[in-house]
Each structure stands twice: as C-alpha cells, then as structure tokens.
N, C-alpha and C. Protein backbone atom coordinates (compact mmCIF):
# COMPACT_ATOMS: atom_id res chain seq x y z
N MET A 1 70.76 113.67 76.45
CA MET A 1 70.51 115.09 76.38
C MET A 1 70.32 115.50 74.93
N GLY A 2 70.93 116.57 74.55
CA GLY A 2 70.78 117.07 73.19
C GLY A 2 72.02 116.83 72.36
N ASN A 3 71.95 117.15 71.15
CA ASN A 3 73.07 117.03 70.23
C ASN A 3 73.94 118.27 70.37
N ASN A 4 75.22 118.07 70.69
CA ASN A 4 76.12 119.20 70.90
C ASN A 4 76.65 119.78 69.60
N LYS A 5 76.50 119.05 68.51
CA LYS A 5 76.99 119.54 67.23
C LYS A 5 76.14 120.71 66.75
N ALA A 6 76.79 121.65 66.13
CA ALA A 6 76.06 122.78 65.57
C ALA A 6 75.32 122.30 64.33
N SER A 7 74.02 122.46 64.33
CA SER A 7 73.24 122.02 63.17
C SER A 7 73.12 123.18 62.20
N LYS A 8 73.33 122.86 60.93
CA LYS A 8 73.23 123.92 59.93
C LYS A 8 71.76 124.20 59.64
N SER A 9 71.46 125.42 59.45
CA SER A 9 70.09 125.82 59.18
C SER A 9 69.83 125.69 57.68
N VAL A 10 68.96 124.76 57.34
CA VAL A 10 68.64 124.52 55.94
C VAL A 10 67.20 124.96 55.70
N VAL A 11 67.03 125.81 54.74
CA VAL A 11 65.70 126.25 54.37
C VAL A 11 65.27 125.44 53.15
N ILE A 12 64.17 124.73 53.31
CA ILE A 12 63.68 123.89 52.22
C ILE A 12 62.42 124.53 51.64
N ASP A 13 62.42 124.69 50.36
CA ASP A 13 61.25 125.22 49.65
C ASP A 13 60.40 124.03 49.20
N TYR A 14 59.42 123.67 50.02
CA TYR A 14 58.60 122.49 49.74
C TYR A 14 57.75 122.66 48.49
N ASP A 15 57.39 123.89 48.17
CA ASP A 15 56.64 124.13 46.93
C ASP A 15 57.50 123.80 45.71
N ALA A 16 58.78 124.13 45.79
CA ALA A 16 59.69 123.82 44.68
C ALA A 16 59.84 122.32 44.50
N ILE A 17 59.94 121.60 45.62
CA ILE A 17 60.04 120.13 45.54
C ILE A 17 58.75 119.56 44.97
N ALA A 18 57.61 120.09 45.42
CA ALA A 18 56.32 119.59 44.94
C ALA A 18 56.11 119.86 43.45
N ASN A 19 56.79 120.86 42.92
CA ASN A 19 56.67 121.19 41.50
C ASN A 19 57.65 120.43 40.61
N GLN A 20 58.58 119.69 41.23
CA GLN A 20 59.51 118.91 40.44
C GLN A 20 58.75 117.77 39.75
N GLU A 21 59.08 117.51 38.49
CA GLU A 21 58.41 116.44 37.75
C GLU A 21 58.70 115.08 38.37
N SER A 22 59.91 114.89 38.90
CA SER A 22 60.25 113.61 39.52
C SER A 22 59.39 113.36 40.77
N PHE A 23 59.10 114.42 41.52
CA PHE A 23 58.24 114.27 42.70
C PHE A 23 56.81 113.95 42.29
N LYS A 24 56.31 114.62 41.26
CA LYS A 24 54.96 114.35 40.79
C LYS A 24 54.82 112.92 40.29
N ALA A 25 55.85 112.42 39.61
CA ALA A 25 55.83 111.04 39.12
C ALA A 25 55.83 110.05 40.28
N LEU A 26 56.62 110.35 41.31
CA LEU A 26 56.65 109.49 42.50
C LEU A 26 55.29 109.45 43.17
N VAL A 27 54.66 110.60 43.31
CA VAL A 27 53.33 110.66 43.94
C VAL A 27 52.31 109.87 43.14
N ARG A 28 52.36 109.98 41.80
CA ARG A 28 51.44 109.21 40.96
C ARG A 28 51.64 107.70 41.14
N ARG A 29 52.91 107.26 41.11
CA ARG A 29 53.19 105.83 41.28
C ARG A 29 52.78 105.34 42.66
N LYS A 30 53.05 106.14 43.67
CA LYS A 30 52.71 105.74 45.03
C LYS A 30 51.19 105.68 45.21
N ASN A 31 50.48 106.66 44.70
CA ASN A 31 49.02 106.66 44.83
C ASN A 31 48.39 105.50 44.08
N SER A 32 48.86 105.21 42.88
CA SER A 32 48.28 104.09 42.14
C SER A 32 48.56 102.77 42.85
N PHE A 33 49.76 102.62 43.42
CA PHE A 33 50.08 101.42 44.19
C PHE A 33 49.17 101.29 45.40
N LEU A 34 49.00 102.37 46.14
CA LEU A 34 48.17 102.32 47.35
C LEU A 34 46.70 102.06 47.03
N TRP A 35 46.19 102.66 45.95
CA TRP A 35 44.79 102.40 45.57
C TRP A 35 44.60 100.95 45.15
N LEU A 36 45.57 100.40 44.42
CA LEU A 36 45.48 99.00 44.02
C LEU A 36 45.49 98.08 45.24
N MET A 37 46.41 98.33 46.17
CA MET A 37 46.48 97.52 47.40
C MET A 37 45.17 97.62 48.18
N THR A 38 44.62 98.81 48.28
CA THR A 38 43.37 99.00 49.02
C THR A 38 42.22 98.26 48.34
N ALA A 39 42.16 98.33 47.03
CA ALA A 39 41.08 97.65 46.29
C ALA A 39 41.18 96.13 46.46
N ILE A 40 42.38 95.58 46.36
CA ILE A 40 42.54 94.13 46.55
C ILE A 40 42.13 93.72 47.95
N PHE A 41 42.60 94.46 48.94
CA PHE A 41 42.30 94.15 50.33
C PHE A 41 40.80 94.20 50.60
N LEU A 42 40.15 95.29 50.21
CA LEU A 42 38.72 95.44 50.46
C LEU A 42 37.89 94.43 49.69
N ALA A 43 38.26 94.16 48.45
CA ALA A 43 37.51 93.18 47.66
C ALA A 43 37.59 91.80 48.30
N ALA A 44 38.78 91.39 48.71
CA ALA A 44 38.93 90.07 49.32
C ALA A 44 38.16 89.98 50.64
N TYR A 45 38.22 91.01 51.45
CA TYR A 45 37.52 90.97 52.73
C TYR A 45 36.01 91.09 52.57
N MET A 46 35.55 91.91 51.66
CA MET A 46 34.10 92.07 51.48
C MET A 46 33.48 90.88 50.77
N LEU A 47 34.28 90.12 50.05
CA LEU A 47 33.77 88.94 49.37
C LEU A 47 33.38 87.85 50.36
N LEU A 48 34.05 87.77 51.49
CA LEU A 48 33.73 86.73 52.49
C LEU A 48 32.29 86.81 52.98
N PRO A 49 31.80 87.94 53.49
CA PRO A 49 30.41 87.96 53.94
C PRO A 49 29.41 87.78 52.81
N VAL A 50 29.76 88.25 51.62
CA VAL A 50 28.86 88.07 50.48
C VAL A 50 28.74 86.59 50.13
N LEU A 51 29.88 85.91 50.05
CA LEU A 51 29.85 84.49 49.70
C LEU A 51 29.22 83.62 50.78
N THR A 52 29.37 84.00 52.05
CA THR A 52 28.77 83.19 53.11
C THR A 52 27.29 83.50 53.31
N SER A 53 26.86 84.70 53.00
CA SER A 53 25.46 85.07 53.23
C SER A 53 24.55 84.75 52.06
N TYR A 54 25.04 84.90 50.85
CA TYR A 54 24.17 84.80 49.68
C TYR A 54 24.42 83.58 48.81
N THR A 55 25.46 82.82 49.11
CA THR A 55 25.71 81.60 48.34
C THR A 55 26.02 80.46 49.29
N LYS A 56 26.10 79.28 48.75
CA LYS A 56 26.47 78.09 49.55
C LYS A 56 27.85 77.59 49.16
N ILE A 57 28.58 78.35 48.35
CA ILE A 57 29.88 77.92 47.84
C ILE A 57 30.86 77.60 48.97
N LEU A 58 30.98 78.48 49.93
CA LEU A 58 31.96 78.30 51.00
C LEU A 58 31.48 77.38 52.11
N HIS A 59 30.23 76.95 52.06
CA HIS A 59 29.70 76.07 53.09
C HIS A 59 29.95 74.60 52.79
N GLN A 60 30.50 74.31 51.64
CA GLN A 60 30.80 72.93 51.27
C GLN A 60 32.09 72.48 51.94
N LYS A 61 32.19 71.17 52.18
CA LYS A 61 33.36 70.63 52.85
C LYS A 61 34.57 70.65 51.91
N ALA A 62 35.70 71.08 52.46
CA ALA A 62 36.94 71.14 51.69
C ALA A 62 37.84 69.94 52.04
N PHE A 63 38.12 69.78 53.33
CA PHE A 63 38.98 68.71 53.84
C PHE A 63 38.33 68.13 55.09
N GLY A 64 37.80 66.94 55.00
CA GLY A 64 37.15 66.33 56.16
C GLY A 64 35.95 67.16 56.57
N GLU A 65 35.95 67.65 57.80
CA GLU A 65 34.85 68.47 58.30
C GLU A 65 35.11 69.97 58.14
N ILE A 66 36.22 70.33 57.58
CA ILE A 66 36.58 71.75 57.39
C ILE A 66 35.92 72.26 56.11
N THR A 67 35.16 73.34 56.25
CA THR A 67 34.49 73.92 55.08
C THR A 67 35.39 74.96 54.42
N TRP A 68 35.00 75.36 53.22
CA TRP A 68 35.77 76.32 52.46
C TRP A 68 35.82 77.70 53.12
N VAL A 69 34.85 78.01 53.98
CA VAL A 69 34.88 79.31 54.65
C VAL A 69 36.11 79.41 55.55
N TRP A 70 36.52 78.30 56.16
CA TRP A 70 37.72 78.30 56.99
C TRP A 70 38.97 78.45 56.14
N VAL A 71 38.98 77.81 54.99
CA VAL A 71 40.11 77.92 54.08
C VAL A 71 40.23 79.36 53.57
N TYR A 72 39.09 79.93 53.18
CA TYR A 72 39.08 81.31 52.68
C TYR A 72 39.54 82.28 53.78
N SER A 73 39.05 82.06 55.00
CA SER A 73 39.42 82.93 56.12
C SER A 73 40.91 82.83 56.42
N ALA A 74 41.47 81.64 56.38
CA ALA A 74 42.91 81.47 56.58
C ALA A 74 43.67 82.16 55.45
N GLY A 75 43.12 82.07 54.25
CA GLY A 75 43.74 82.75 53.11
C GLY A 75 43.77 84.26 53.28
N LEU A 76 42.77 84.81 53.98
CA LEU A 76 42.75 86.25 54.24
C LEU A 76 43.91 86.65 55.15
N PHE A 77 44.23 85.82 56.12
CA PHE A 77 45.39 86.11 56.96
C PHE A 77 46.68 86.08 56.14
N ILE A 78 46.81 85.08 55.30
CA ILE A 78 47.99 84.97 54.44
C ILE A 78 48.07 86.17 53.50
N MET A 79 46.93 86.55 52.93
CA MET A 79 46.89 87.71 52.03
C MET A 79 47.31 88.98 52.77
N THR A 80 46.82 89.16 54.00
CA THR A 80 47.15 90.35 54.78
C THR A 80 48.65 90.42 55.04
N TRP A 81 49.26 89.33 55.46
CA TRP A 81 50.70 89.30 55.69
C TRP A 81 51.47 89.57 54.40
N THR A 82 51.01 88.97 53.31
CA THR A 82 51.67 89.17 52.02
C THR A 82 51.59 90.63 51.58
N LEU A 83 50.41 91.23 51.71
CA LEU A 83 50.26 92.64 51.34
C LEU A 83 51.12 93.54 52.22
N CYS A 84 51.22 93.20 53.50
CA CYS A 84 52.07 93.99 54.41
C CYS A 84 53.53 93.92 53.99
N HIS A 85 54.00 92.72 53.68
CA HIS A 85 55.40 92.58 53.24
C HIS A 85 55.63 93.29 51.92
N LEU A 86 54.68 93.18 51.02
CA LEU A 86 54.79 93.87 49.73
C LEU A 86 54.81 95.38 49.93
N TYR A 87 53.96 95.88 50.83
CA TYR A 87 53.92 97.32 51.09
C TYR A 87 55.25 97.81 51.66
N VAL A 88 55.82 97.07 52.61
CA VAL A 88 57.09 97.48 53.22
C VAL A 88 58.19 97.53 52.17
N ALA A 89 58.24 96.53 51.31
CA ALA A 89 59.26 96.52 50.26
C ALA A 89 59.07 97.70 49.31
N LYS A 90 57.84 97.95 48.93
CA LYS A 90 57.55 99.05 48.01
C LYS A 90 57.82 100.40 48.69
N ALA A 91 57.46 100.51 49.97
CA ALA A 91 57.70 101.76 50.71
C ALA A 91 59.20 102.05 50.79
N ASN A 92 60.01 101.02 50.96
CA ASN A 92 61.46 101.22 50.98
C ASN A 92 61.95 101.78 49.65
N SER A 93 61.40 101.28 48.55
CA SER A 93 61.81 101.81 47.24
C SER A 93 61.32 103.24 47.05
N PHE A 94 60.12 103.54 47.56
CA PHE A 94 59.62 104.92 47.49
C PHE A 94 60.51 105.85 48.32
N ASP A 95 60.99 105.37 49.47
CA ASP A 95 61.88 106.18 50.31
C ASP A 95 63.19 106.49 49.59
N LYS A 96 63.72 105.50 48.88
CA LYS A 96 64.95 105.73 48.11
C LYS A 96 64.72 106.77 47.02
N GLU A 97 63.58 106.69 46.36
CA GLU A 97 63.26 107.67 45.32
C GLU A 97 63.09 109.06 45.94
N ALA A 98 62.48 109.12 47.12
CA ALA A 98 62.30 110.42 47.79
C ALA A 98 63.65 111.03 48.15
N LYS A 99 64.59 110.20 48.61
CA LYS A 99 65.93 110.71 48.92
C LYS A 99 66.61 111.24 47.66
N ALA A 100 66.40 110.55 46.54
CA ALA A 100 66.98 111.01 45.28
C ALA A 100 66.36 112.34 44.86
N ILE A 101 65.08 112.52 45.10
CA ILE A 101 64.41 113.78 44.77
C ILE A 101 64.94 114.91 45.64
N ILE A 102 65.17 114.62 46.92
CA ILE A 102 65.73 115.64 47.82
C ILE A 102 67.14 116.00 47.37
N ALA A 103 67.91 114.99 46.97
CA ALA A 103 69.27 115.26 46.47
C ALA A 103 69.22 116.10 45.20
N GLU A 104 68.25 115.80 44.33
CA GLU A 104 68.07 116.59 43.11
C GLU A 104 67.76 118.04 43.46
N TYR A 105 66.89 118.24 44.46
CA TYR A 105 66.54 119.59 44.90
C TYR A 105 67.78 120.31 45.46
N GLU A 106 68.54 119.60 46.29
CA GLU A 106 69.71 120.20 46.91
C GLU A 106 70.78 120.56 45.90
N ASN A 107 70.80 119.84 44.77
CA ASN A 107 71.78 120.13 43.72
C ASN A 107 71.28 121.17 42.74
N GLY A 108 70.16 121.80 43.05
CA GLY A 108 69.65 122.87 42.23
C GLY A 108 68.64 122.45 41.19
N GLY A 109 68.22 121.20 41.19
CA GLY A 109 67.28 120.72 40.18
C GLY A 109 65.87 121.21 40.35
N GLY A 110 65.50 121.61 41.57
CA GLY A 110 64.12 122.03 41.79
C GLY A 110 63.96 123.52 41.98
N ARG A 111 65.06 124.23 41.90
CA ARG A 111 64.98 125.69 42.13
C ARG A 111 64.73 126.42 40.84
N ARG A 112 64.08 127.55 40.98
CA ARG A 112 63.76 128.35 39.80
C ARG A 112 64.74 129.46 39.62
C-alpha cells in the first residue's frame, strides 16, 4: 500500500541549485565525460564500415582463416562492455557529487 509515515513537505528551489557553482562544475564535468564517451564509441563503430569498404586492411588473415574484421568486430563488443562499466562507475561518482550538492543546498549554501 502506501507509506504511513508523515512525509515532510520540502520545497526545493531548483533555480538556486542550478546557480550553485558546484552544480555548474558537475554539469561541465559530466557533459565533457559524456561527449568524450560518445566520440570514442561513434569513432570506433564508424571506422569499421570505412575500413571494410574502402581499404583492404581488415580483409587480411589474422589467425588461420580468421580475418582482422572479425578481430575488430569482437573488439567492438569488448569496447562496448568496457565503456558501459566505465560509465556506471563514473555515474556513481556523479551521483555522490549530486548528493553533496543537495546537502550544500539544504545547509544554506545555495540560497540567496
């Protein structure tokens, strides 16, 4: 059912939080991290069709009958998992910083 505890009514001034320098710094760090991750991901994935269509580099044999295109494609899976794990770890640190910013706001740091 519902929560029987009386919940306190908290009014949050989101504009005040958005104007805090610590929040702005967090947003800058988060955006630069996300743009970097996006650029790496897109570059690696877009390089595969370019290398297979316009060059013969990946068509050469790597191990027995396995060509480099298979190795590169397997590497894309590994890269994707690695980027996902890196993102989760970084997101957890961003969440901790966000909680600290909320605590700063609640302690009067973001109010005018």
